[in-house]
């Protein structure tokens, strides 16, 4: 069981009770509508120990359906993870990869497809980069971020792109849709930015290694022209536009 705060709010919005316990609901504040007399009876019933088992539920939906039939809604709380596994962000959240704990919960992928790096940075000492895959084909190196935003938002990262076709390319995907793609290396740091809609968003920064089977006599990769197959990201920020 995980403890959350439950507010019983009367018609004049005075706080009557808090401190229920539910499973898997620690990311929520629950607000509901009803007439003040019924709310007052419900909240005061908590003071009777024999009645307290009636206040425990497996999910938020079960709580809403059982106890608050006149209306119940959930409100996500910034800095926590919702029941679908998305991290709820405040209006502005930044990440420069220089602290031991990430403020944006990037998933580096199975077997660490990305990791921290101190050889390149836009600012500070560290950035994040994909792990080279030794010219394998049909391989994707994904860096994933699952976030929840309350308003239309933008996500921005500084990127240094050292990939080039026909070997590999870099792309940004939002909720399964490819937004940005880069097929040639870029010497300087550039801004990679796109929009997020309110609600849950899955952001994937992907280095796609070419699925084309190059001929055996194809020239070896010239890293000075075609890069080493890596992308560095730094100074990321998610900004909500309320």
Protein backbone atom coordinates (compact mmCIF):
# COMPACT_ATOMS: atom_id res chain seq x y z
CA UNK A 1 0.00 0.00 0.00
CA UNK A 2 1.15 3.54 -0.83
CA UNK A 3 0.07 6.61 1.06
CA UNK A 4 -1.45 9.55 -0.79
CA UNK A 5 -3.36 12.60 0.28
CA UNK A 6 -7.13 12.64 -0.23
CA UNK A 7 -8.96 15.91 0.12
CA UNK A 8 -12.61 16.01 1.18
CA UNK A 9 -13.71 19.47 0.10
CA UNK A 10 -17.05 21.02 1.08
CA UNK A 11 -19.01 23.52 -0.99
CA UNK A 12 -17.06 26.37 0.58
CA UNK A 13 -13.82 24.45 -0.26
CA UNK A 14 -12.81 24.02 3.37
CA UNK A 15 -10.57 21.05 4.03
CA UNK A 16 -12.32 18.37 6.06
CA UNK A 17 -10.00 15.39 5.99
CA UNK A 18 -6.85 14.02 4.44
CA UNK A 19 -4.62 10.99 4.71
CA UNK A 20 -6.21 7.95 3.09
CA UNK A 21 -4.15 5.04 1.81
CA UNK A 22 -4.51 3.34 -1.56
CA UNK A 23 -2.30 1.12 -3.68
CA UNK A 24 -0.46 2.64 -6.66
CA UNK A 25 -1.91 6.09 -6.17
CA UNK A 26 0.93 8.06 -4.62
CA UNK A 27 1.04 10.37 -7.65
CA UNK A 28 -2.49 11.69 -7.26
CA UNK A 29 -4.49 14.25 -5.40
CA UNK A 30 -8.16 13.28 -5.64
CA UNK A 31 -10.80 15.98 -5.84
CA UNK A 32 -14.54 15.36 -6.12
CA UNK A 33 -17.91 17.07 -6.18
CA UNK A 34 -20.90 16.28 -4.02
CA UNK A 35 -23.21 18.12 -1.66
CA UNK A 36 -21.48 19.37 1.48
CA UNK A 37 -23.69 17.42 3.90
CA UNK A 38 -22.85 14.04 2.33
CA UNK A 39 -19.20 14.96 2.14
CA UNK A 40 -19.15 15.94 5.81
CA UNK A 41 -20.74 12.61 6.83
CA UNK A 42 -18.30 10.68 4.66
CA UNK A 43 -15.25 12.47 5.96
CA UNK A 44 -16.23 12.36 9.59
CA UNK A 45 -16.85 8.62 9.30
CA UNK A 46 -13.07 8.22 9.14
CA UNK A 47 -12.99 9.03 12.86
CA UNK A 48 -14.84 5.75 13.57
CA UNK A 49 -12.15 3.01 13.53
CA UNK A 50 -14.67 0.33 12.54
CA UNK A 51 -15.47 2.26 9.36
CA UNK A 52 -11.91 2.72 8.20
CA UNK A 53 -11.65 -0.48 6.10
CA UNK A 54 -14.26 1.11 3.81
CA UNK A 55 -11.72 3.75 2.85
CA UNK A 56 -9.15 1.38 1.33
CA UNK A 57 -9.22 0.60 -2.39
CA UNK A 58 -6.98 -1.06 -4.95
CA UNK A 59 -7.08 1.75 -7.50
CA UNK A 60 -8.11 5.38 -7.85
CA UNK A 61 -10.91 4.38 -10.24
CA UNK A 62 -12.33 1.94 -7.66
CA UNK A 63 -12.26 4.68 -5.05
CA UNK A 64 -14.06 7.10 -7.36
CA UNK A 65 -16.73 4.64 -8.44
CA UNK A 66 -17.46 3.37 -4.92
CA UNK A 67 -17.25 6.40 -2.69
CA UNK A 68 -17.84 9.42 -4.94
CA UNK A 69 -20.61 8.58 -7.44
CA UNK A 70 -21.43 12.27 -7.95
CA UNK A 71 -18.12 12.95 -9.61
CA UNK A 72 -14.45 12.33 -9.02
CA UNK A 73 -11.36 13.48 -10.86
CA UNK A 74 -7.63 12.92 -10.49
CA UNK A 75 -4.98 15.62 -10.55
CA UNK A 76 -1.39 14.71 -11.33
CA UNK A 77 1.34 16.06 -9.05
CA UNK A 78 4.63 17.32 -10.51
CA UNK A 79 7.69 15.29 -9.56
CA UNK A 80 5.87 11.96 -9.35
CA UNK A 81 5.09 9.10 -11.74
CA UNK A 82 1.50 8.48 -12.75
CA UNK A 83 -0.23 5.10 -12.94
CA UNK A 84 0.72 4.73 -16.62
CA UNK A 85 4.43 5.17 -15.86
CA UNK A 86 4.82 8.76 -17.11
CA UNK A 87 6.78 11.27 -15.03
CA UNK A 88 4.70 14.37 -14.27
CA UNK A 89 6.61 17.58 -15.02
CA UNK A 90 6.36 21.06 -13.61
CA UNK A 91 6.10 24.06 -15.95
CA UNK A 92 9.85 24.12 -16.63
CA UNK A 93 12.20 21.17 -16.14
CA UNK A 94 15.85 21.26 -17.21
CA UNK A 95 18.57 18.61 -17.47
CA UNK A 96 22.29 19.23 -18.03
CA UNK A 97 23.51 15.71 -17.07
CA UNK A 98 26.01 17.11 -14.56
CA UNK A 99 24.22 15.90 -11.42
CA UNK A 100 24.19 12.34 -10.11
CA UNK A 101 20.37 12.25 -10.18
CA UNK A 102 18.65 13.14 -13.45
CA UNK A 103 15.82 15.67 -13.26
CA UNK A 104 14.40 14.26 -16.50
CA UNK A 105 14.09 10.47 -16.11
CA UNK A 106 15.69 9.32 -19.35
CA UNK A 107 15.67 5.58 -19.98
CA UNK A 108 19.06 4.63 -21.42
CA UNK A 109 17.63 1.46 -22.98
CA UNK A 110 18.23 -2.24 -22.61
CA UNK A 111 21.93 -2.99 -22.04
CA UNK A 112 22.64 0.76 -21.82
CA UNK A 113 22.17 1.92 -25.41
CA UNK A 114 23.09 5.43 -24.21
CA UNK A 115 25.31 6.61 -21.37
CA UNK A 116 26.91 9.67 -19.81
CA UNK A 117 30.00 11.03 -21.54
CA UNK A 118 32.69 13.51 -20.50
CA UNK A 119 34.43 13.92 -23.87
CA UNK A 120 31.82 16.29 -25.35
CA UNK A 121 29.49 18.80 -23.70
CA UNK A 122 27.58 21.92 -24.64
CA UNK A 123 27.93 23.22 -21.08
CA UNK A 124 29.25 21.78 -17.86
CA UNK A 125 31.25 18.55 -17.78
CA UNK A 126 28.88 15.89 -19.14
CA UNK A 127 26.53 15.11 -21.97
CA UNK A 128 24.80 11.89 -22.98
CA UNK A 129 25.62 9.79 -26.05
CA UNK A 130 24.65 6.54 -27.74
CA UNK A 131 26.92 3.53 -27.46
CA UNK A 132 28.59 2.64 -30.82
CA UNK A 133 27.38 -0.65 -32.30
CA UNK A 134 30.33 -1.59 -34.55
CA UNK A 135 28.62 -1.02 -37.92
CA UNK A 136 25.77 -3.44 -37.23
CA UNK A 137 22.69 -2.99 -39.42
CA UNK A 138 19.01 -2.77 -38.47
CA UNK A 139 19.99 -1.66 -34.96
CA UNK A 140 18.32 1.22 -33.13
CA UNK A 141 19.94 2.96 -30.18
CA UNK A 142 17.02 4.54 -28.31
CA UNK A 143 17.00 7.09 -25.52
CA UNK A 144 13.46 7.27 -24.16
CA UNK A 145 11.70 9.84 -22.00
CA UNK A 146 8.13 9.27 -20.79
CA UNK A 147 6.63 12.48 -19.43
CA UNK A 148 3.25 13.97 -18.61
CA UNK A 149 2.67 17.68 -19.19
CA UNK A 150 -0.41 19.65 -18.17
CA UNK A 151 -0.28 22.20 -21.02
CA UNK A 152 1.04 22.40 -24.61
CA UNK A 153 4.82 22.23 -24.24
CA UNK A 154 8.11 22.19 -26.08
CA UNK A 155 11.06 19.89 -25.52
CA UNK A 156 14.49 21.19 -26.46
CA UNK A 157 17.96 19.62 -26.42
CA UNK A 158 21.30 20.77 -27.73
CA UNK A 159 22.74 18.11 -30.03
CA UNK A 160 26.04 17.34 -31.69
CA UNK A 161 25.37 14.95 -34.56
CA UNK A 162 28.18 12.73 -35.85
CA UNK A 163 26.12 10.30 -37.94
CA UNK A 164 25.78 10.06 -41.70
CA UNK A 165 24.00 7.92 -44.25
CA UNK A 166 24.33 5.30 -45.62
CA UNK A 167 25.68 4.16 -42.24
CA UNK A 168 23.30 5.75 -39.72
CA UNK A 169 21.10 8.74 -38.99
CA UNK A 170 19.57 10.53 -36.01
CA UNK A 171 15.84 11.08 -35.48
CA UNK A 172 13.42 12.33 -32.84
CA UNK A 173 10.09 10.54 -32.36
CA UNK A 174 7.09 11.71 -30.33
CA UNK A 175 4.42 9.13 -29.52
CA UNK A 176 5.56 6.97 -32.41
CA UNK A 177 5.66 9.83 -34.95
CA UNK A 178 8.99 10.85 -36.44
CA UNK A 179 9.37 14.64 -36.08
CA UNK A 180 13.00 15.52 -36.80
CA UNK A 181 15.62 13.57 -38.76
CA UNK A 182 19.26 14.29 -39.56
CA UNK A 183 21.04 12.31 -42.28
CA UNK A 184 24.40 14.10 -42.35
CA UNK A 185 26.90 14.96 -39.65
CA UNK A 186 26.87 18.50 -38.24
CA UNK A 187 30.07 19.92 -36.80
CA UNK A 188 28.52 22.42 -34.38
CA UNK A 189 26.01 21.99 -31.57
CA UNK A 190 22.47 22.61 -32.83
CA UNK A 191 19.07 23.01 -31.17
CA UNK A 192 16.68 20.08 -31.57
CA UNK A 193 13.17 21.15 -30.59
CA UNK A 194 9.62 19.89 -31.02
CA UNK A 195 6.20 20.22 -29.40
CA UNK A 196 4.36 18.07 -26.87
CA UNK A 197 0.60 17.88 -26.40
CA UNK A 198 -0.99 17.92 -22.92
CA UNK A 199 -1.05 14.50 -21.30
CA UNK A 200 1.29 11.54 -21.60
CA UNK A 201 4.12 11.75 -24.16
CA UNK A 202 6.78 9.23 -25.15
CA UNK A 203 9.88 10.95 -26.50
CA UNK A 204 12.51 8.83 -28.28
CA UNK A 205 15.91 10.08 -29.43
CA UNK A 206 17.06 7.42 -31.87
CA UNK A 207 20.25 6.63 -33.73
CA UNK A 208 19.14 4.31 -36.53
CA UNK A 209 21.92 2.24 -38.00
CA UNK A 210 21.32 1.66 -41.68
CA UNK A 211 19.27 -1.38 -42.65
CA UNK A 212 20.81 -1.36 -46.12
CA UNK A 213 23.30 -4.16 -46.62
CA UNK A 214 26.26 -2.37 -48.15
CA UNK A 215 28.26 -4.25 -50.80
CA UNK A 216 31.37 -6.02 -49.54
CA UNK A 217 33.55 -3.73 -51.64
CA UNK A 218 31.88 -0.57 -50.34
CA UNK A 219 34.50 1.94 -49.12
CA UNK A 220 35.22 1.96 -45.41
CA UNK A 221 33.62 4.72 -43.41
CA UNK A 222 35.63 7.92 -43.42
CA UNK A 223 35.01 9.22 -39.90
CA UNK A 224 36.32 12.67 -40.80
CA UNK A 225 33.49 13.04 -43.33
CA UNK A 226 30.81 10.60 -42.21
CA UNK A 227 31.24 10.68 -38.44
CA UNK A 228 31.67 7.94 -35.89
CA UNK A 229 27.98 7.03 -35.61
CA UNK A 230 27.29 8.91 -32.37
CA UNK A 231 25.05 11.75 -31.21
CA UNK A 232 25.62 13.82 -28.07
CA UNK A 233 22.75 15.53 -26.23
CA UNK A 234 23.04 18.21 -23.55
CA UNK A 235 21.07 21.03 -21.90
CA UNK A 236 17.60 19.57 -22.37
CA UNK A 237 14.50 21.45 -21.25
CA UNK A 238 10.76 20.84 -21.23
CA UNK A 239 8.73 24.06 -21.04
CA UNK A 240 4.97 24.22 -20.67
CA UNK A 241 3.07 27.14 -22.23
CA UNK A 242 0.04 27.68 -20.00
